[in-house]
N, C-alpha and C. Protein backbone atom coordinates (compact mmCIF):
# COMPACT_ATOMS: atom_id res chain seq x y z
N MET A 1 -3.86 -3.48 15.73
CA MET A 1 -4.33 -2.15 15.39
C MET A 1 -4.51 -1.35 16.67
N LYS A 2 -4.05 -0.12 16.61
CA LYS A 2 -4.21 0.79 17.74
C LYS A 2 -5.41 1.69 17.48
N LEU A 3 -6.06 2.15 18.55
CA LEU A 3 -7.15 3.11 18.44
C LEU A 3 -6.81 4.33 19.27
N THR A 4 -7.07 5.51 18.73
CA THR A 4 -6.87 6.73 19.49
C THR A 4 -8.02 6.89 20.47
N ASP A 5 -7.82 7.78 21.45
CA ASP A 5 -8.89 8.05 22.41
C ASP A 5 -10.14 8.58 21.69
N ALA A 6 -9.93 9.41 20.66
CA ALA A 6 -11.06 9.95 19.90
C ALA A 6 -11.84 8.84 19.20
N ALA A 7 -11.13 7.85 18.64
CA ALA A 7 -11.80 6.74 17.97
C ALA A 7 -12.58 5.88 18.96
N ILE A 8 -11.99 5.62 20.11
CA ILE A 8 -12.67 4.81 21.13
C ILE A 8 -13.92 5.52 21.62
N SER A 9 -13.81 6.81 21.88
CA SER A 9 -14.95 7.59 22.36
C SER A 9 -16.08 7.61 21.34
N GLN A 10 -15.75 7.89 20.09
CA GLN A 10 -16.78 7.97 19.04
C GLN A 10 -17.39 6.60 18.76
N ALA A 11 -16.58 5.55 18.72
CA ALA A 11 -17.09 4.20 18.47
C ALA A 11 -17.99 3.75 19.62
N SER A 12 -17.63 4.09 20.84
CA SER A 12 -18.47 3.75 22.00
C SER A 12 -19.82 4.45 21.90
N SER A 13 -19.78 5.72 21.53
CA SER A 13 -21.01 6.49 21.37
C SER A 13 -21.90 5.92 20.27
N LYS A 14 -21.30 5.60 19.13
CA LYS A 14 -22.06 5.04 18.02
C LYS A 14 -22.59 3.64 18.34
N ALA A 15 -21.84 2.86 19.10
CA ALA A 15 -22.29 1.52 19.48
C ALA A 15 -23.56 1.63 20.33
N THR A 16 -23.58 2.60 21.23
CA THR A 16 -24.76 2.81 22.06
C THR A 16 -25.94 3.28 21.22
N THR A 17 -25.69 4.26 20.34
CA THR A 17 -26.74 4.81 19.47
C THR A 17 -27.30 3.76 18.52
N GLU A 18 -26.41 2.98 17.90
CA GLU A 18 -26.82 1.98 16.91
C GLU A 18 -27.33 0.69 17.55
N GLY A 19 -27.04 0.49 18.83
CA GLY A 19 -27.43 -0.75 19.48
C GLY A 19 -26.65 -1.95 18.95
N LYS A 20 -25.43 -1.71 18.52
CA LYS A 20 -24.57 -2.76 17.97
C LYS A 20 -23.36 -2.94 18.87
N GLN A 21 -22.70 -4.08 18.72
CA GLN A 21 -21.57 -4.38 19.59
C GLN A 21 -20.25 -4.55 18.82
N PHE A 22 -20.30 -5.04 17.59
CA PHE A 22 -19.08 -5.39 16.85
C PHE A 22 -18.84 -4.44 15.69
N ILE A 23 -17.62 -3.92 15.61
CA ILE A 23 -17.20 -3.10 14.48
C ILE A 23 -16.11 -3.88 13.75
N ARG A 24 -16.35 -4.16 12.47
CA ARG A 24 -15.38 -4.90 11.66
C ARG A 24 -14.52 -3.92 10.88
N VAL A 25 -13.21 -4.10 11.02
CA VAL A 25 -12.23 -3.33 10.25
C VAL A 25 -11.39 -4.33 9.49
N GLY A 26 -11.13 -4.04 8.22
CA GLY A 26 -10.33 -4.97 7.43
C GLY A 26 -10.00 -4.41 6.08
N ILE A 27 -9.49 -5.28 5.22
CA ILE A 27 -9.20 -4.90 3.84
C ILE A 27 -9.87 -5.92 2.92
N VAL A 28 -10.22 -5.46 1.74
CA VAL A 28 -10.76 -6.33 0.70
C VAL A 28 -10.09 -5.94 -0.62
N PRO A 29 -9.89 -6.90 -1.52
CA PRO A 29 -9.35 -6.55 -2.83
C PRO A 29 -10.29 -5.58 -3.55
N GLY A 30 -9.71 -4.58 -4.20
CA GLY A 30 -10.55 -3.66 -4.95
C GLY A 30 -9.87 -2.32 -5.16
N GLY A 31 -10.52 -1.48 -5.90
CA GLY A 31 -10.01 -0.15 -6.18
C GLY A 31 -8.91 -0.17 -7.23
N CYS A 32 -8.42 0.97 -7.55
CA CYS A 32 -7.43 1.09 -8.62
C CYS A 32 -6.01 0.73 -8.18
N THR A 33 -5.75 0.68 -6.87
CA THR A 33 -4.40 0.34 -6.43
C THR A 33 -4.31 -1.00 -5.71
N GLY A 34 -5.41 -1.72 -5.58
CA GLY A 34 -5.32 -3.09 -5.07
C GLY A 34 -6.21 -3.46 -3.91
N PHE A 35 -6.34 -2.59 -2.90
CA PHE A 35 -7.14 -2.92 -1.72
C PHE A 35 -7.97 -1.72 -1.26
N GLU A 36 -9.05 -2.03 -0.58
CA GLU A 36 -9.86 -1.00 0.05
C GLU A 36 -10.07 -1.38 1.50
N TYR A 37 -10.10 -0.38 2.37
CA TYR A 37 -10.41 -0.63 3.77
C TYR A 37 -11.91 -0.80 3.94
N ILE A 38 -12.29 -1.65 4.89
CA ILE A 38 -13.70 -1.73 5.28
C ILE A 38 -13.80 -1.31 6.75
N PHE A 39 -14.89 -0.66 7.06
CA PHE A 39 -15.20 -0.24 8.42
C PHE A 39 -16.71 -0.29 8.51
N GLU A 40 -17.24 -1.30 9.21
CA GLU A 40 -18.69 -1.51 9.23
C GLU A 40 -19.12 -2.23 10.49
N TRP A 41 -20.39 -2.12 10.80
CA TRP A 41 -20.95 -2.89 11.90
C TRP A 41 -21.02 -4.35 11.47
N ALA A 42 -20.68 -5.24 12.37
CA ALA A 42 -20.70 -6.67 12.06
C ALA A 42 -21.76 -7.36 12.90
N ASP A 43 -22.56 -8.18 12.25
CA ASP A 43 -23.55 -8.98 12.96
C ASP A 43 -23.04 -10.39 13.22
N GLU A 44 -22.10 -10.82 12.39
CA GLU A 44 -21.58 -12.18 12.51
C GLU A 44 -20.08 -12.14 12.79
N ILE A 45 -19.66 -13.06 13.62
CA ILE A 45 -18.24 -13.21 13.96
C ILE A 45 -17.82 -14.60 13.51
N ASN A 46 -16.68 -14.67 12.84
CA ASN A 46 -16.16 -15.94 12.35
C ASN A 46 -15.16 -16.53 13.35
N ASN A 47 -14.96 -17.83 13.26
CA ASN A 47 -14.05 -18.50 14.19
C ASN A 47 -12.62 -17.98 14.11
N ASN A 48 -12.20 -17.53 12.95
CA ASN A 48 -10.82 -17.07 12.80
C ASN A 48 -10.66 -15.56 12.95
N ASP A 49 -11.69 -14.87 13.42
CA ASP A 49 -11.61 -13.43 13.64
C ASP A 49 -10.82 -13.12 14.90
N TYR A 50 -10.08 -12.03 14.84
CA TYR A 50 -9.38 -11.50 16.00
C TYR A 50 -10.31 -10.46 16.62
N ILE A 51 -10.55 -10.54 17.93
CA ILE A 51 -11.49 -9.65 18.60
C ILE A 51 -10.78 -8.93 19.74
N GLU A 52 -10.88 -7.59 19.73
CA GLU A 52 -10.31 -6.76 20.78
C GLU A 52 -11.47 -6.05 21.47
N SER A 53 -11.60 -6.24 22.78
CA SER A 53 -12.72 -5.66 23.52
C SER A 53 -12.37 -4.27 24.04
N TYR A 54 -13.32 -3.36 23.86
CA TYR A 54 -13.24 -2.01 24.40
C TYR A 54 -14.46 -1.82 25.29
N ASN A 55 -14.64 -0.66 25.82
CA ASN A 55 -15.70 -0.42 26.79
C ASN A 55 -17.09 -0.88 26.32
N LYS A 56 -17.59 -0.29 25.25
CA LYS A 56 -18.96 -0.58 24.79
C LYS A 56 -19.02 -1.28 23.45
N PHE A 57 -17.87 -1.65 22.90
CA PHE A 57 -17.85 -2.30 21.60
C PHE A 57 -16.65 -3.23 21.51
N LYS A 58 -16.67 -4.06 20.47
CA LYS A 58 -15.55 -4.96 20.19
C LYS A 58 -15.11 -4.72 18.76
N LEU A 59 -13.81 -4.60 18.58
CA LEU A 59 -13.22 -4.44 17.27
C LEU A 59 -12.91 -5.82 16.71
N VAL A 60 -13.37 -6.09 15.49
CA VAL A 60 -13.21 -7.41 14.87
C VAL A 60 -12.37 -7.24 13.60
N ILE A 61 -11.32 -8.07 13.49
CA ILE A 61 -10.46 -8.07 12.30
C ILE A 61 -10.30 -9.51 11.84
N ASP A 62 -10.56 -9.77 10.57
CA ASP A 62 -10.41 -11.14 10.06
C ASP A 62 -8.94 -11.49 9.94
N SER A 63 -8.65 -12.77 9.89
CA SER A 63 -7.25 -13.24 9.88
C SER A 63 -6.49 -12.79 8.62
N TYR A 64 -7.17 -12.61 7.49
CA TYR A 64 -6.52 -12.14 6.27
C TYR A 64 -6.04 -10.69 6.45
N SER A 65 -6.87 -9.86 7.05
CA SER A 65 -6.56 -8.43 7.19
C SER A 65 -5.57 -8.13 8.31
N LYS A 66 -5.52 -8.98 9.31
CA LYS A 66 -4.73 -8.69 10.51
C LYS A 66 -3.28 -8.31 10.22
N PRO A 67 -2.53 -9.04 9.39
CA PRO A 67 -1.14 -8.64 9.15
C PRO A 67 -1.02 -7.26 8.48
N TYR A 68 -1.97 -6.90 7.63
CA TYR A 68 -1.93 -5.61 6.95
C TYR A 68 -2.24 -4.45 7.89
N LEU A 69 -2.98 -4.75 8.97
CA LEU A 69 -3.41 -3.70 9.90
C LEU A 69 -2.62 -3.70 11.20
N ALA A 70 -1.60 -4.53 11.30
CA ALA A 70 -0.87 -4.69 12.56
C ALA A 70 -0.28 -3.38 13.08
N GLN A 71 0.22 -2.54 12.21
CA GLN A 71 0.83 -1.28 12.63
C GLN A 71 -0.09 -0.07 12.42
N ALA A 72 -1.32 -0.32 11.99
CA ALA A 72 -2.25 0.76 11.68
C ALA A 72 -2.86 1.37 12.94
N THR A 73 -3.32 2.60 12.80
CA THR A 73 -4.01 3.30 13.86
C THR A 73 -5.36 3.77 13.34
N LEU A 74 -6.40 3.52 14.11
CA LEU A 74 -7.74 4.01 13.78
C LEU A 74 -7.98 5.28 14.59
N ASP A 75 -8.33 6.35 13.89
CA ASP A 75 -8.57 7.64 14.54
C ASP A 75 -9.94 8.15 14.11
N PHE A 76 -10.48 9.08 14.87
CA PHE A 76 -11.68 9.79 14.47
C PHE A 76 -11.28 11.24 14.30
N VAL A 77 -11.42 11.75 13.08
CA VAL A 77 -10.92 13.09 12.78
C VAL A 77 -12.05 14.01 12.31
N LYS A 78 -11.85 15.29 12.59
CA LYS A 78 -12.75 16.33 12.11
C LYS A 78 -11.94 17.20 11.17
N GLU A 79 -12.40 17.27 9.92
CA GLU A 79 -11.74 18.08 8.90
C GLU A 79 -12.77 19.03 8.33
N GLY A 80 -12.74 20.26 8.78
CA GLY A 80 -13.76 21.22 8.36
C GLY A 80 -15.12 20.79 8.90
N LEU A 81 -16.08 20.61 8.00
CA LEU A 81 -17.42 20.18 8.40
C LEU A 81 -17.55 18.65 8.44
N ASN A 82 -16.53 17.95 7.96
CA ASN A 82 -16.58 16.49 7.88
C ASN A 82 -15.99 15.84 9.13
N GLU A 83 -16.62 14.75 9.54
CA GLU A 83 -16.12 13.92 10.63
C GLU A 83 -16.11 12.49 10.13
N GLN A 84 -15.02 11.76 10.42
CA GLN A 84 -14.96 10.38 9.95
C GLN A 84 -13.90 9.59 10.70
N PHE A 85 -14.09 8.28 10.68
CA PHE A 85 -13.04 7.39 11.15
C PHE A 85 -12.00 7.31 10.04
N LYS A 86 -10.74 7.31 10.42
CA LYS A 86 -9.67 7.29 9.43
C LYS A 86 -8.61 6.29 9.87
N ILE A 87 -8.17 5.47 8.93
CA ILE A 87 -7.11 4.50 9.20
C ILE A 87 -5.80 5.08 8.68
N MET A 88 -4.82 5.18 9.57
CA MET A 88 -3.49 5.63 9.20
C MET A 88 -2.59 4.40 9.29
N ASN A 89 -2.00 4.03 8.17
CA ASN A 89 -1.28 2.77 8.11
C ASN A 89 0.10 2.95 7.46
N PRO A 90 1.17 2.80 8.26
CA PRO A 90 2.51 2.95 7.69
C PRO A 90 2.89 1.84 6.71
N ALA A 91 2.10 0.76 6.65
CA ALA A 91 2.37 -0.34 5.72
C ALA A 91 1.94 -0.01 4.29
N GLU A 92 1.18 1.05 4.10
CA GLU A 92 0.75 1.45 2.75
C GLU A 92 1.96 1.89 1.93
N LYS A 93 2.05 1.37 0.71
CA LYS A 93 3.12 1.78 -0.19
C LYS A 93 2.64 2.85 -1.15
N ALA A 94 1.33 2.86 -1.43
CA ALA A 94 0.75 3.86 -2.33
C ALA A 94 -0.75 3.93 -2.08
N SER A 95 -1.34 5.02 -2.51
CA SER A 95 -2.79 5.16 -2.46
C SER A 95 -3.24 5.89 -3.72
N CYS A 96 -4.50 5.70 -4.07
CA CYS A 96 -5.00 6.35 -5.28
C CYS A 96 -5.33 7.81 -4.99
N GLY A 97 -5.54 8.56 -6.03
CA GLY A 97 -5.82 9.97 -5.90
C GLY A 97 -7.13 10.27 -5.18
N CYS A 98 -8.11 9.36 -5.30
CA CYS A 98 -9.39 9.61 -4.64
C CYS A 98 -9.36 9.21 -3.16
N GLY A 99 -8.28 8.54 -2.74
CA GLY A 99 -8.13 8.21 -1.33
C GLY A 99 -8.90 6.99 -0.87
N ILE A 100 -9.45 6.22 -1.79
CA ILE A 100 -10.25 5.06 -1.39
C ILE A 100 -9.44 3.77 -1.38
N SER A 101 -8.58 3.58 -2.34
CA SER A 101 -7.84 2.32 -2.39
C SER A 101 -6.36 2.53 -2.08
N VAL A 102 -5.75 1.45 -1.57
CA VAL A 102 -4.36 1.50 -1.15
C VAL A 102 -3.60 0.29 -1.68
N GLN A 103 -2.29 0.39 -1.65
CA GLN A 103 -1.44 -0.71 -2.08
C GLN A 103 -0.46 -1.02 -0.94
N PHE A 104 -0.22 -2.32 -0.73
CA PHE A 104 0.71 -2.75 0.32
C PHE A 104 1.94 -3.37 -0.30
């Protein structure tokens, strides 16, 4: 998974503010099209997790999610008044109308 400069900057800032070190990104079964992305602070790291170190945080991806996220990019975007981390993934074949679940 690639991270944009905006994502790295925002994640570093939030890691300092939250006092956390690990951000878990992955997929879980769910939603109307098959999978949902997860993006959350992680307190536990598993033996089979892939860990990528950045300045003030570490990105953690479980072994199940890693192949699905291999070509994905994590960005931090501002859309009007909203700001959010957004995963752009060319491996997606479809997504639902609400934008929460995806299909690979």
